[in-house]
Amino acid sequence: LAWGFTPEELKLFPEIEVNYSMYPAKMLPGCRVFVKTTATSDRHA
């Protein structure tokens, strides 16, 4: 399975929020998260 985070949602991570002023303005990107499981179907995952 997979989902994504926009740049606004990526700011909510505590690792980003604690040092948010360290990143340049409007340069923080979004990301895509891919979760690989041992299930053999999307229903079980």
PDB file of all heavy atoms in Angstrom:
ATOM      1  N   LEU A   1       0.838  -1.193   0.000  1.00  0.00           N
ATOM      2  CA  LEU A   1       0.000   0.000   0.000  1.00  0.00           C
ATOM      3  C   LEU A   1       0.874   1.245   0.000  1.00  0.00           C
ATOM      4  O   LEU A   1       2.068   1.186   0.327  1.00  0.00           O
ATOM      5  CB  LEU A   1      -0.928   0.010   1.210  1.00  0.00           C
ATOM      6  CG  LEU A   1      -1.786  -1.249   1.436  1.00  0.00           C
ATOM      7  CD1 LEU A   1      -2.681  -1.064   2.644  1.00  0.00           C
ATOM      8  CD2 LEU A   1      -2.605  -1.574   0.204  1.00  0.00           C
ATOM      9  N   ALA A   2       0.260   2.386  -0.357  1.00  0.00           N
ATOM     10  CA  ALA A   2       1.011   3.630  -0.452  1.00  0.00           C
ATOM     11  C   ALA A   2       0.090   4.805  -0.180  1.00  0.00           C
ATOM     12  O   ALA A   2      -1.124   4.735  -0.422  1.00  0.00           O
ATOM     13  CB  ALA A   2       1.663   3.772  -1.831  1.00  0.00           C
ATOM     14  N   TRP A   3       0.657   5.881   0.331  1.00  0.00           N
ATOM     15  CA  TRP A   3      -0.037   7.159   0.487  1.00  0.00           C
ATOM     16  C   TRP A   3       1.003   8.269   0.446  1.00  0.00           C
ATOM     17  O   TRP A   3       2.221   8.005   0.427  1.00  0.00           O
ATOM     18  CB  TRP A   3      -0.844   7.202   1.792  1.00  0.00           C
ATOM     19  CG  TRP A   3      -0.013   7.116   3.032  1.00  0.00           C
ATOM     20  CD1 TRP A   3       0.647   8.117   3.672  1.00  0.00           C
ATOM     21  CD2 TRP A   3       0.249   5.932   3.802  1.00  0.00           C
ATOM     22  NE1 TRP A   3       1.303   7.649   4.776  1.00  0.00           N
ATOM     23  CE2 TRP A   3       1.060   6.324   4.883  1.00  0.00           C
ATOM     24  CE3 TRP A   3      -0.137   4.597   3.683  1.00  0.00           C
ATOM     25  CZ2 TRP A   3       1.512   5.410   5.836  1.00  0.00           C
ATOM     26  CZ3 TRP A   3       0.297   3.703   4.633  1.00  0.00           C
ATOM     27  CH2 TRP A   3       1.104   4.105   5.688  1.00  0.00           C
ATOM     28  N   GLY A   4       0.528   9.505   0.423  1.00  0.00           N
ATOM     29  CA  GLY A   4       1.436  10.634   0.278  1.00  0.00           C
ATOM     30  C   GLY A   4       1.204  11.698   1.327  1.00  0.00           C
ATOM     31  O   GLY A   4       0.147  11.772   1.965  1.00  0.00           O
ATOM     32  N   PHE A   5       2.232  12.532   1.510  1.00  0.00           N
ATOM     33  CA  PHE A   5       2.172  13.689   2.394  1.00  0.00           C
ATOM     34  C   PHE A   5       2.513  14.928   1.578  1.00  0.00           C
ATOM     35  O   PHE A   5       3.523  14.956   0.863  1.00  0.00           O
ATOM     36  CB  PHE A   5       3.150  13.563   3.569  1.00  0.00           C
ATOM     37  CG  PHE A   5       2.780  12.520   4.578  1.00  0.00           C
ATOM     38  CD1 PHE A   5       3.521  11.355   4.701  1.00  0.00           C
ATOM     39  CD2 PHE A   5       1.683  12.699   5.410  1.00  0.00           C
ATOM     40  CE1 PHE A   5       3.181  10.392   5.629  1.00  0.00           C
ATOM     41  CE2 PHE A   5       1.334  11.734   6.341  1.00  0.00           C
ATOM     42  CZ  PHE A   5       2.085  10.579   6.457  1.00  0.00           C
ATOM     43  N   THR A   6       1.675  15.947   1.675  1.00  0.00           N
ATOM     44  CA  THR A   6       1.964  17.229   1.036  1.00  0.00           C
ATOM     45  C   THR A   6       2.997  17.988   1.871  1.00  0.00           C
ATOM     46  O   THR A   6       3.267  17.620   3.028  1.00  0.00           O
ATOM     47  CB  THR A   6       0.683  18.049   0.908  1.00  0.00           C
ATOM     48  OG1 THR A   6       0.177  18.330   2.228  1.00  0.00           O
ATOM     49  CG2 THR A   6      -0.374  17.279   0.109  1.00  0.00           C
ATOM     50  N   PRO A   7       3.595  19.053   1.317  1.00  0.00           N
ATOM     51  CA  PRO A   7       4.550  19.829   2.130  1.00  0.00           C
ATOM     52  C   PRO A   7       3.933  20.370   3.414  1.00  0.00           C
ATOM     53  O   PRO A   7       4.627  20.459   4.442  1.00  0.00           O
ATOM     54  CB  PRO A   7       4.974  20.950   1.182  1.00  0.00           C
ATOM     55  CG  PRO A   7       4.803  20.379  -0.186  1.00  0.00           C
ATOM     56  CD  PRO A   7       3.612  19.485  -0.089  1.00  0.00           C
ATOM     57  N   GLU A   8       2.647  20.740   3.379  1.00  0.00           N
ATOM     58  CA  GLU A   8       2.009  21.227   4.600  1.00  0.00           C
ATOM     59  C   GLU A   8       1.845  20.122   5.628  1.00  0.00           C
ATOM     60  O   GLU A   8       1.933  20.374   6.834  1.00  0.00           O
ATOM     61  CB  GLU A   8       0.648  21.834   4.250  1.00  0.00           C
ATOM     62  CG  GLU A   8       0.731  23.065   3.347  1.00  0.00           C
ATOM     63  CD  GLU A   8       1.487  24.198   4.009  1.00  0.00           C
ATOM     64  OE1 GLU A   8       1.408  24.319   5.256  1.00  0.00           O
ATOM     65  OE2 GLU A   8       2.168  24.962   3.292  1.00  0.00           O
ATOM     66  N   GLU A   9       1.587  18.901   5.171  1.00  0.00           N
ATOM     67  CA  GLU A   9       1.435  17.777   6.093  1.00  0.00           C
ATOM     68  C   GLU A   9       2.785  17.269   6.584  1.00  0.00           C
ATOM     69  O   GLU A   9       2.869  16.711   7.680  1.00  0.00           O
ATOM     70  CB  GLU A   9       0.670  16.647   5.407  1.00  0.00           C
ATOM     71  CG  GLU A   9      -0.749  17.019   5.028  1.00  0.00           C
ATOM     72  CD  GLU A   9      -1.419  15.977   4.152  1.00  0.00           C
ATOM     73  OE1 GLU A   9      -0.712  15.037   3.720  1.00  0.00           O
ATOM     74  OE2 GLU A   9      -2.623  16.102   3.892  1.00  0.00           O
ATOM     75  N   LEU A  10       3.827  17.469   5.797  1.00  0.00           N
ATOM     76  CA  LEU A  10       5.157  17.019   6.224  1.00  0.00           C
ATOM     77  C   LEU A  10       5.673  17.849   7.394  1.00  0.00           C
ATOM     78  O   LEU A  10       6.513  17.384   8.168  1.00  0.00           O
ATOM     79  CB  LEU A  10       6.134  17.091   5.054  1.00  0.00           C
ATOM     80  CG  LEU A  10       7.399  16.231   5.153  1.00  0.00           C
ATOM     81  CD1 LEU A  10       7.038  14.757   5.135  1.00  0.00           C
ATOM     82  CD2 LEU A  10       8.362  16.539   4.019  1.00  0.00           C
ATOM     83  N   LYS A  11       5.162  19.074   7.530  1.00  0.00           N
ATOM     84  CA  LYS A  11       5.581  19.925   8.649  1.00  0.00           C
ATOM     85  C   LYS A  11       5.094  19.388   9.988  1.00  0.00           C
ATOM     86  O   LYS A  11       5.615  19.784  11.037  1.00  0.00           O
ATOM     87  CB  LYS A  11       5.042  21.341   8.455  1.00  0.00           C
ATOM     88  CG  LYS A  11       5.479  22.022   7.180  1.00  0.00           C
ATOM     89  CD  LYS A  11       4.799  23.361   7.039  1.00  0.00           C
ATOM     90  CE  LYS A  11       5.117  24.006   5.693  1.00  0.00           C
ATOM     91  NZ  LYS A  11       4.403  25.297   5.524  1.00  0.00           N
ATOM     92  N   LEU A  12       4.111  18.504   9.996  1.00  0.00           N
ATOM     93  CA  LEU A  12       3.530  18.007  11.240  1.00  0.00           C
ATOM     94  C   LEU A  12       4.397  16.961  11.924  1.00  0.00           C
ATOM     95  O   LEU A  12       4.127  16.610  13.082  1.00  0.00           O
ATOM     96  CB  LEU A  12       2.133  17.438  10.968  1.00  0.00           C
ATOM     97  CG  LEU A  12       1.133  18.413  10.327  1.00  0.00           C
ATOM     98  CD1 LEU A  12      -0.173  17.704  10.048  1.00  0.00           C
ATOM     99  CD2 LEU A  12       0.910  19.624  11.214  1.00  0.00           C
ATOM    100  N   PHE A  13       5.386  16.422  11.222  1.00  0.00           N
ATOM    101  CA  PHE A  13       6.290  15.470  11.866  1.00  0.00           C
ATOM    102  C   PHE A  13       7.104  16.199  12.937  1.00  0.00           C
ATOM    103  O   PHE A  13       7.578  17.321  12.715  1.00  0.00           O
ATOM    104  CB  PHE A  13       7.225  14.842  10.841  1.00  0.00           C
ATOM    105  CG  PHE A  13       6.618  13.714  10.070  1.00  0.00           C
ATOM    106  CD1 PHE A  13       5.957  13.948   8.879  1.00  0.00           C
ATOM    107  CD2 PHE A  13       6.697  12.406  10.538  1.00  0.00           C
ATOM    108  CE1 PHE A  13       5.393  12.912   8.168  1.00  0.00           C
ATOM    109  CE2 PHE A  13       6.134  11.359   9.834  1.00  0.00           C
ATOM    110  CZ  PHE A  13       5.475  11.616   8.640  1.00  0.00           C
ATOM    111  N   PRO A  14       7.277  15.611  14.105  1.00  0.00           N
ATOM    112  CA  PRO A  14       8.025  16.321  15.165  1.00  0.00           C
ATOM    113  C   PRO A  14       9.463  16.614  14.780  1.00  0.00           C
ATOM    114  O   PRO A  14      10.035  17.613  15.227  1.00  0.00           O
ATOM    115  CB  PRO A  14       7.924  15.368  16.355  1.00  0.00           C
ATOM    116  CG  PRO A  14       7.587  14.032  15.773  1.00  0.00           C
ATOM    117  CD  PRO A  14       6.788  14.302  14.545  1.00  0.00           C
ATOM    118  N   GLU A  15      10.086  15.775  13.940  1.00  0.00           N
ATOM    119  CA  GLU A  15      11.472  16.035  13.531  1.00  0.00           C
ATOM    120  C   GLU A  15      11.586  17.274  12.647  1.00  0.00           C
ATOM    121  O   GLU A  15      12.615  17.955  12.667  1.00  0.00           O
ATOM    122  CB  GLU A  15      12.029  14.818  12.786  1.00  0.00           C
ATOM    123  CG  GLU A  15      12.152  13.564  13.628  1.00  0.00           C
ATOM    124  CD  GLU A  15      10.876  12.779  13.707  1.00  0.00           C
ATOM    125  OE1 GLU A  15       9.878  13.208  13.086  1.00  0.00           O
ATOM    126  OE2 GLU A  15      10.855  11.730  14.377  1.00  0.00           O
ATOM    127  N   ILE A  16      10.536  17.572  11.878  1.00  0.00           N
ATOM    128  CA  ILE A  16      10.529  18.763  11.029  1.00  0.00           C
ATOM    129  C   ILE A  16      10.042  19.979  11.809  1.00  0.00           C
ATOM    130  O   ILE A  16      10.556  21.084  11.654  1.00  0.00           O
ATOM    131  CB  ILE A  16       9.657  18.528   9.785  1.00  0.00           C
ATOM    132  CG1 ILE A  16      10.146  17.300   9.013  1.00  0.00           C
ATOM    133  CG2 ILE A  16       9.661  19.745   8.872  1.00  0.00           C
ATOM    134  CD1 ILE A  16      11.522  17.416   8.430  1.00  0.00           C
ATOM    135  N   GLU A  17       9.056  19.756  12.667  1.00  0.00           N
ATOM    136  CA  GLU A  17       8.446  20.868  13.396  1.00  0.00           C
ATOM    137  C   GLU A  17       9.411  21.507  14.379  1.00  0.00           C
ATOM    138  O   GLU A  17       9.380  22.718  14.593  1.00  0.00           O
ATOM    139  CB  GLU A  17       7.202  20.356  14.124  1.00  0.00           C
ATOM    140  CG  GLU A  17       6.366  21.431  14.766  1.00  0.00           C
ATOM    141  CD  GLU A  17       5.117  20.864  15.409  1.00  0.00           C
ATOM    142  OE1 GLU A  17       4.999  19.615  15.470  1.00  0.00           O
ATOM    143  OE2 GLU A  17       4.265  21.652  15.851  1.00  0.00           O
ATOM    144  N   VAL A  18      10.288  20.719  14.972  1.00  0.00           N
ATOM    145  CA  VAL A  18      11.185  21.278  15.983  1.00  0.00           C
ATOM    146  C   VAL A  18      12.253  22.167  15.363  1.00  0.00           C
ATOM    147  O   VAL A  18      12.751  23.099  16.006  1.00  0.00           O
ATOM    148  CB  VAL A  18      11.828  20.128  16.797  1.00  0.00           C
ATOM    149  CG1 VAL A  18      12.805  19.336  15.946  1.00  0.00           C
ATOM    150  CG2 VAL A  18      12.488  20.647  18.049  1.00  0.00           C
ATOM    151  N   ASN A  19      12.622  21.924  14.098  1.00  0.00           N
ATOM    152  CA  ASN A  19      13.640  22.740  13.417  1.00  0.00           C
ATOM    153  C   ASN A  19      13.095  23.281  12.098  1.00  0.00           C
ATOM    154  O   ASN A  19      13.785  23.297  11.090  1.00  0.00           O
ATOM    155  CB  ASN A  19      14.907  21.910  13.144  1.00  0.00           C
ATOM    156  CG  ASN A  19      15.673  21.575  14.405  1.00  0.00           C
ATOM    157  OD1 ASN A  19      15.716  22.366  15.342  1.00  0.00           O
ATOM    158  ND2 ASN A  19      16.262  20.392  14.442  1.00  0.00           N
ATOM    159  N   TYR A  20      11.840  23.716  12.126  1.00  0.00           N
ATOM    160  CA  TYR A  20      11.227  24.165  10.877  1.00  0.00           C
ATOM    161  C   TYR A  20      11.902  25.416  10.323  1.00  0.00           C
ATOM    162  O   TYR A  20      11.983  25.611   9.110  1.00  0.00           O
ATOM    163  CB  TYR A  20       9.737  24.421  11.096  1.00  0.00           C
ATOM    164  CG  TYR A  20       9.029  24.894   9.860  1.00  0.00           C
ATOM    165  CD1 TYR A  20       8.858  24.044   8.772  1.00  0.00           C
ATOM    166  CD2 TYR A  20       8.544  26.199   9.768  1.00  0.00           C
ATOM    167  CE1 TYR A  20       8.221  24.469   7.620  1.00  0.00           C
ATOM    168  CE2 TYR A  20       7.903  26.637   8.622  1.00  0.00           C
ATOM    169  CZ  TYR A  20       7.740  25.769   7.554  1.00  0.00           C
ATOM    170  OH  TYR A  20       7.111  26.189   6.420  1.00  0.00           O
ATOM    171  N   SER A  21      12.411  26.274  11.210  1.00  0.00           N
ATOM    172  CA  SER A  21      13.070  27.500  10.738  1.00  0.00           C
ATOM    173  C   SER A  21      14.395  27.212  10.043  1.00  0.00           C
ATOM    174  O   SER A  21      14.940  28.096   9.377  1.00  0.00           O
ATOM    175  CB  SER A  21      13.314  28.440  11.920  1.00  0.00           C
ATOM    176  OG  SER A  21      14.124  27.807  12.908  1.00  0.00           O
ATOM    177  N   MET A  22      14.912  25.997  10.171  1.00  0.00           N
ATOM    178  CA  MET A  22      16.179  25.673   9.531  1.00  0.00           C
ATOM    179  C   MET A  22      16.014  25.483   8.024  1.00  0.00           C
ATOM    180  O   MET A  22      16.963  25.702   7.258  1.00  0.00           O
ATOM    181  CB  MET A  22      16.746  24.385  10.147  1.00  0.00           C
ATOM    182  CG  MET A  22      18.064  23.919   9.576  1.00  0.00           C
ATOM    183  SD  MET A  22      18.615  22.364  10.297  1.00  0.00           S
ATOM    184  CE  MET A  22      17.368  21.246   9.647  1.00  0.00           C
ATOM    185  N   TYR A  23      14.800  25.103   7.569  1.00  0.00           N
ATOM    186  CA  TYR A  23      14.584  24.843   6.151  1.00  0.00           C
ATOM    187  C   TYR A  23      14.229  26.139   5.434  1.00  0.00           C
ATOM    188  O   TYR A  23      13.487  26.975   5.972  1.00  0.00           O
ATOM    189  CB  TYR A  23      13.465  23.816   5.975  1.00  0.00           C
ATOM    190  CG  TYR A  23      13.748  22.511   6.668  1.00  0.00           C
ATOM    191  CD1 TYR A  23      13.262  22.251   7.951  1.00  0.00           C
ATOM    192  CD2 TYR A  23      14.510  21.530   6.060  1.00  0.00           C
ATOM    193  CE1 TYR A  23      13.531  21.062   8.590  1.00  0.00           C
ATOM    194  CE2 TYR A  23      14.786  20.322   6.689  1.00  0.00           C
ATOM    195  CZ  TYR A  23      14.297  20.111   7.961  1.00  0.00           C
ATOM    196  OH  TYR A  23      14.567  18.931   8.600  1.00  0.00           O
ATOM    197  N   PRO A  24      14.726  26.319   4.205  1.00  0.00           N
ATOM    198  CA  PRO A  24      14.374  27.531   3.446  1.00  0.00           C
ATOM    199  C   PRO A  24      12.880  27.590   3.162  1.00  0.00           C
ATOM    200  O   PRO A  24      12.194  26.571   3.078  1.00  0.00           O
ATOM    201  CB  PRO A  24      15.186  27.388   2.152  1.00  0.00           C
ATOM    202  CG  PRO A  24      16.274  26.416   2.478  1.00  0.00           C
ATOM    203  CD  PRO A  24      15.704  25.487   3.498  1.00  0.00           C
ATOM    204  N   ALA A  25      12.373  28.810   2.994  1.00  0.00           N
ATOM    205  CA  ALA A  25      10.948  28.998   2.766  1.00  0.00           C
ATOM    206  C   ALA A  25      10.543  28.409   1.420  1.00  0.00           C
ATOM    207  O   ALA A  25      11.216  28.585   0.413  1.00  0.00           O
ATOM    208  CB  ALA A  25      10.598  30.489   2.820  1.00  0.00           C
ATOM    209  N   LYS A  26       9.421  27.691   1.422  1.00  0.00           N
ATOM    210  CA  LYS A  26       8.821  27.104   0.221  1.00  0.00           C
ATOM    211  C   LYS A  26       9.752  26.120  -0.485  1.00  0.00           C
ATOM    212  O   LYS A  26       9.656  25.914  -1.693  1.00  0.00           O
ATOM    213  CB  LYS A  26       8.386  28.190  -0.763  1.00  0.00           C
ATOM    214  CG  LYS A  26       7.334  29.124  -0.201  1.00  0.00           C
ATOM    215  CD  LYS A  26       6.907  30.150  -1.245  1.00  0.00           C
ATOM    216  CE  LYS A  26       5.842  31.083  -0.663  1.00  0.00           C
ATOM    217  NZ  LYS A  26       5.412  32.089  -1.662  1.00  0.00           N
ATOM    218  N   MET A  27      10.671  25.519   0.246  1.00  0.00           N
ATOM    219  CA  MET A  27      11.550  24.501  -0.334  1.00  0.00           C
ATOM    220  C   MET A  27      11.302  23.117   0.256  1.00  0.00           C
ATOM    221  O   MET A  27      11.865  22.147  -0.226  1.00  0.00           O
ATOM    222  CB  MET A  27      13.024  24.860  -0.136  1.00  0.00           C
ATOM    223  CG  MET A  27      13.544  25.880  -1.102  1.00  0.00           C
ATOM    224  SD  MET A  27      15.336  25.998  -1.068  1.00  0.00           S
ATOM    225  CE  MET A  27      15.619  27.255  -2.315  1.00  0.00           C
ATOM    226  N   LEU A  28      10.467  23.043   1.280  1.00  0.00           N
ATOM    227  CA  LEU A  28      10.192  21.751   1.885  1.00  0.00           C
ATOM    228  C   LEU A  28       9.275  20.953   0.963  1.00  0.00           C
ATOM    229  O   LEU A  28       8.169  21.400   0.642  1.00  0.00           O
ATOM    230  CB  LEU A  28       9.543  21.930   3.254  1.00  0.00           C
ATOM    231  CG  LEU A  28       9.458  20.688   4.137  1.00  0.00           C
ATOM    232  CD1 LEU A  28      10.848  20.236   4.544  1.00  0.00           C
ATOM    233  CD2 LEU A  28       8.619  20.970   5.370  1.00  0.00           C
ATOM    234  N   PRO A  29       9.689  19.776   0.498  1.00  0.00           N
ATOM    235  CA  PRO A  29       8.876  19.030  -0.472  1.00  0.00           C
ATOM    236  C   PRO A  29       7.886  18.106   0.230  1.00  0.00           C
ATOM    237  O   PRO A  29       7.883  17.942   1.455  1.00  0.00           O
ATOM    238  CB  PRO A  29       9.929  18.225  -1.237  1.00  0.00           C
ATOM    239  CG  PRO A  29      10.945  17.913  -0.177  1.00  0.00           C
ATOM    240  CD  PRO A  29      10.958  19.091   0.777  1.00  0.00           C
ATOM    241  N   GLY A  30       7.034  17.478  -0.562  1.00  0.00           N
ATOM    242  CA  GLY A  30       6.193  16.401  -0.078  1.00  0.00           C
ATOM    243  C   GLY A  30       6.897  15.063  -0.259  1.00  0.00           C
ATOM    244  O   GLY A  30       8.037  14.990  -0.732  1.00  0.00           O
ATOM    245  N   CYS A  31       6.235  13.988   0.118  1.00  0.00           N
ATOM    246  CA  CYS A  31       6.851  12.665  -0.007  1.00  0.00           C
ATOM    247  C   CYS A  31       5.769  11.622  -0.218  1.00  0.00           C
ATOM    248  O   CYS A  31       4.580  11.860   0.022  1.00  0.00           O
ATOM    249  CB  CYS A  31       7.709  12.326   1.211  1.00  0.00           C
ATOM    250  SG  CYS A  31       6.769  12.050   2.727  1.00  0.00           S
ATOM    251  N   ARG A  32       6.195  10.486  -0.654  1.00  0.00           N
ATOM    252  CA  ARG A  32       5.320   9.351  -0.892  1.00  0.00           C
ATOM    253  C   ARG A  32       5.816   8.192  -0.050  1.00  0.00           C
ATOM    254  O   ARG A  32       7.026   7.904  -0.016  1.00  0.00           O
ATOM    255  CB  ARG A  32       5.353   8.973  -2.375  1.00  0.00           C
ATOM    256  CG  ARG A  32       4.298   7.972  -2.799  1.00  0.00           C
ATOM    257  CD  ARG A  32       2.947   8.584  -2.935  1.00  0.00           C
ATOM    258  NE  ARG A  32       1.957   7.645  -3.469  1.00  0.00           N
ATOM    259  CZ  ARG A  32       0.662   7.858  -3.462  1.00  0.00           C
ATOM    260  NH1 ARG A  32       0.196   8.979  -2.946  1.00  0.00           N
ATOM    261  NH2 ARG A  32      -0.173   6.984  -3.968  1.00  0.00           N
ATOM    262  N   VAL A  33       4.889   7.515   0.638  1.00  0.00           N
ATOM    263  CA  VAL A  33       5.225   6.429   1.548  1.00  0.00           C
ATOM    264  C   VAL A  33       4.699   5.131   0.950  1.00  0.00           C
ATOM    265  O   VAL A  33       3.505   5.016   0.652  1.00  0.00           O
ATOM    266  CB  VAL A  33       4.622   6.665   2.948  1.00  0.00           C
ATOM    267  CG1 VAL A  33       4.979   5.514   3.882  1.00  0.00           C
ATOM    268  CG2 VAL A  33       5.098   7.981   3.521  1.00  0.00           C
ATOM    269  N   PHE A  34       5.590   4.163   0.783  1.00  0.00           N
ATOM    270  CA  PHE A  34       5.246   2.850   0.260  1.00  0.00           C
ATOM    271  C   PHE A  34       5.475   1.823   1.374  1.00  0.00           C
ATOM    272  O   PHE A  34       6.606   1.673   1.841  1.00  0.00           O
ATOM    273  CB  PHE A  34       6.101   2.485  -0.961  1.00  0.00           C
ATOM    274  CG  PHE A  34       5.980   3.458  -2.098  1.00  0.00           C
ATOM    275  CD1 PHE A  34       6.817   4.560  -2.182  1.00  0.00           C
ATOM    276  CD2 PHE A  34       5.027   3.271  -3.086  1.00  0.00           C
ATOM    277  CE1 PHE A  34       6.711   5.456  -3.220  1.00  0.00           C
ATOM    278  CE2 PHE A  34       4.915   4.159  -4.138  1.00  0.00           C
ATOM    279  CZ  PHE A  34       5.754   5.253  -4.204  1.00  0.00           C
ATOM    280  N   VAL A  35       4.400   1.150   1.765  1.00  0.00           N
ATOM    281  CA  VAL A  35       4.466   0.153   2.839  1.00  0.00           C
ATOM    282  C   VAL A  35       4.417  -1.228   2.198  1.00  0.00           C
ATOM    283  O   VAL A  35       3.422  -1.591   1.564  1.00  0.00           O
ATOM    284  CB  VAL A  35       3.317   0.326   3.844  1.00  0.00           C
ATOM    285  CG1 VAL A  35       3.420  -0.716   4.952  1.00  0.00           C
ATOM    286  CG2 VAL A  35       3.329   1.728   4.418  1.00  0.00           C
ATOM    287  N   LYS A  36       5.490  -1.983   2.365  1.00  0.00           N
ATOM    288  CA  LYS A  36       5.571  -3.336   1.822  1.00  0.00           C
ATOM    289  C   LYS A  36       5.303  -4.330   2.938  1.00  0.00           C
ATOM    290  O   LYS A  36       5.986  -4.322   3.964  1.00  0.00           O
ATOM    291  CB  LYS A  36       6.956  -3.582   1.213  1.00  0.00           C
ATOM    292  CG  LYS A  36       7.082  -4.909   0.489  1.00  0.00           C
ATOM    293  CD  LYS A  36       8.442  -5.032  -0.178  1.00  0.00           C
ATOM    294  CE  LYS A  36       8.560  -6.355  -0.932  1.00  0.00           C
ATOM    295  NZ  LYS A  36       9.890  -6.488  -1.584  1.00  0.00           N
ATOM    296  N   THR A  37       4.304  -5.171   2.743  1.00  0.00           N
ATOM    297  CA  THR A  37       3.922  -6.163   3.742  1.00  0.00           C
ATOM    298  C   THR A  37       4.126  -7.571   3.191  1.00  0.00           C
ATOM    299  O   THR A  37       4.366  -7.762   1.992  1.00  0.00           O
ATOM    300  CB  THR A  37       2.450  -5.979   4.146  1.00  0.00           C
ATOM    301  OG1 THR A  37       1.608  -6.284   3.022  1.00  0.00           O
ATOM    302  CG2 THR A  37       2.177  -4.548   4.592  1.00  0.00           C
ATOM    303  N   THR A  38       4.000  -8.541   4.066  1.00  0.00           N
ATOM    304  CA  THR A  38       4.102  -9.947   3.654  1.00  0.00           C
ATOM    305  C   THR A  38       2.760 -10.517   3.240  1.00  0.00           C
ATOM    306  O   THR A  38       2.662 -11.724   2.977  1.00  0.00           O
ATOM    307  CB  THR A  38       4.679 -10.785   4.800  1.00  0.00           C
ATOM    308  OG1 THR A  38       3.837 -10.651   5.953  1.00  0.00           O
ATOM    309  CG2 THR A  38       6.088 -10.326   5.150  1.00  0.00           C
ATOM    310  N   ALA A  39       1.706  -9.689   3.190  1.00  0.00           N
ATOM    311  CA  ALA A  39       0.391 -10.164   2.773  1.00  0.00           C
ATOM    312  C   ALA A  39       0.408 -10.480   1.282  1.00  0.00           C
ATOM    313  O   ALA A  39       1.194  -9.920   0.508  1.00  0.00           O
ATOM    314  CB  ALA A  39      -0.674  -9.112   3.078  1.00  0.00           C
ATOM    315  N   THR A  40      -0.477 -11.367   0.882  1.00  0.00           N
ATOM    316  CA  THR A  40      -0.559 -11.768  -0.520  1.00  0.00           C
ATOM    317  C   THR A  40      -1.682 -11.057  -1.261  1.00  0.00           C
ATOM    318  O   THR A  40      -1.928 -11.365  -2.434  1.00  0.00           O
ATOM    319  CB  THR A  40      -0.772 -13.285  -0.613  1.00  0.00           C
ATOM    320  OG1 THR A  40      -1.919 -13.655   0.161  1.00  0.00           O
ATOM    321  CG2 THR A  40       0.455 -14.019  -0.092  1.00  0.00           C
ATOM    322  N   SER A  41      -2.381 -10.129  -0.625  1.00  0.00           N
ATOM    323  CA  SER A  41      -3.436  -9.369  -1.286  1.00  0.00           C
ATOM    324  C   SER A  41      -3.571  -8.026  -0.589  1.00  0.00           C
ATOM    325  O   SER A  41      -3.174  -7.852   0.573  1.00  0.00           O
ATOM    326  CB  SER A  41      -4.773 -10.123  -1.256  1.00  0.00           C
ATOM    327  OG  SER A  41      -5.240 -10.261   0.073  1.00  0.00           O
ATOM    328  N   ASP A  42      -4.164  -7.060  -1.308  1.00  0.00           N
ATOM    329  CA  ASP A  42      -4.380  -5.740  -0.718  1.00  0.00           C
ATOM    330  C   ASP A  42      -5.401  -5.795   0.415  1.00  0.00           C
ATOM    331  O   ASP A  42      -5.358  -4.982   1.341  1.00  0.00           O
ATOM    332  CB  ASP A  42      -4.844  -4.769  -1.798  1.00  0.00           C
ATOM    333  CG  ASP A  42      -3.774  -4.526  -2.855  1.00  0.00           C
ATOM    334  OD1 ASP A  42      -2.598  -4.838  -2.575  1.00  0.00           O
ATOM    335  OD2 ASP A  42      -4.105  -4.018  -3.950  1.00  0.00           O
ATOM    336  N   ARG A  43      -6.342  -6.734   0.354  1.00  0.00           N
ATOM    337  CA  ARG A  43      -7.343  -6.849   1.414  1.00  0.00           C
ATOM    338  C   ARG A  43      -6.696  -7.205   2.741  1.00  0.00           C
ATOM    339  O   ARG A  43      -7.000  -6.591   3.780  1.00  0.00           O
ATOM    340  CB  ARG A  43      -8.370  -7.924   1.022  1.00  0.00           C
ATOM    341  CG  ARG A  43      -9.534  -8.064   2.000  1.00  0.00           C
ATOM    342  CD  ARG A  43     -10.557  -9.039   1.457  1.00  0.00           C
ATOM    343  NE  ARG A  43     -10.044 -10.406   1.522  1.00  0.00           N
ATOM    344  CZ  ARG A  43     -10.275 -11.236   2.524  1.00  0.00           C
ATOM    345  NH1 ARG A  43     -10.992 -10.827   3.568  1.00  0.00           N
ATOM    346  NH2 ARG A  43      -9.804 -12.468   2.512  1.00  0.00           N
ATOM    347  N   HIS A  44      -5.789  -8.161   2.735  1.00  0.00           N
ATOM    348  CA  HIS A  44      -5.097  -8.514   3.968  1.00  0.00           C
ATOM    349  C   HIS A  44      -4.179  -7.387   4.435  1.00  0.00           C
ATOM    350  O   HIS A  44      -4.025  -7.175   5.647  1.00  0.00           O
ATOM    351  CB  HIS A  44      -4.290  -9.790   3.754  1.00  0.00           C
ATOM    352  CG  HIS A  44      -5.137 -11.006   3.614  1.00  0.00           C
ATOM    353  ND1 HIS A  44      -4.625 -12.238   3.250  1.00  0.00           N
ATOM    354  CD2 HIS A  44      -6.468 -11.208   3.797  1.00  0.00           C
ATOM    355  CE1 HIS A  44      -5.600 -13.131   3.222  1.00  0.00           C
ATOM    356  NE2 HIS A  44      -6.729 -12.530   3.535  1.00  0.00           N
ATOM    357  N   ALA A  45      -3.569  -6.671   3.514  1.00  0.00           N
ATOM    358  CA  ALA A  45      -2.711  -5.549   3.908  1.00  0.00           C
ATOM    359  C   ALA A  45      -3.526  -4.431   4.544  1.00  0.00           C
ATOM    360  O   ALA A  45      -3.085  -3.808   5.525  1.00  0.00           O
ATOM    361  CB  ALA A  45      -1.946  -5.028   2.693  1.00  0.00           C
TER     362      ALA A  45
END
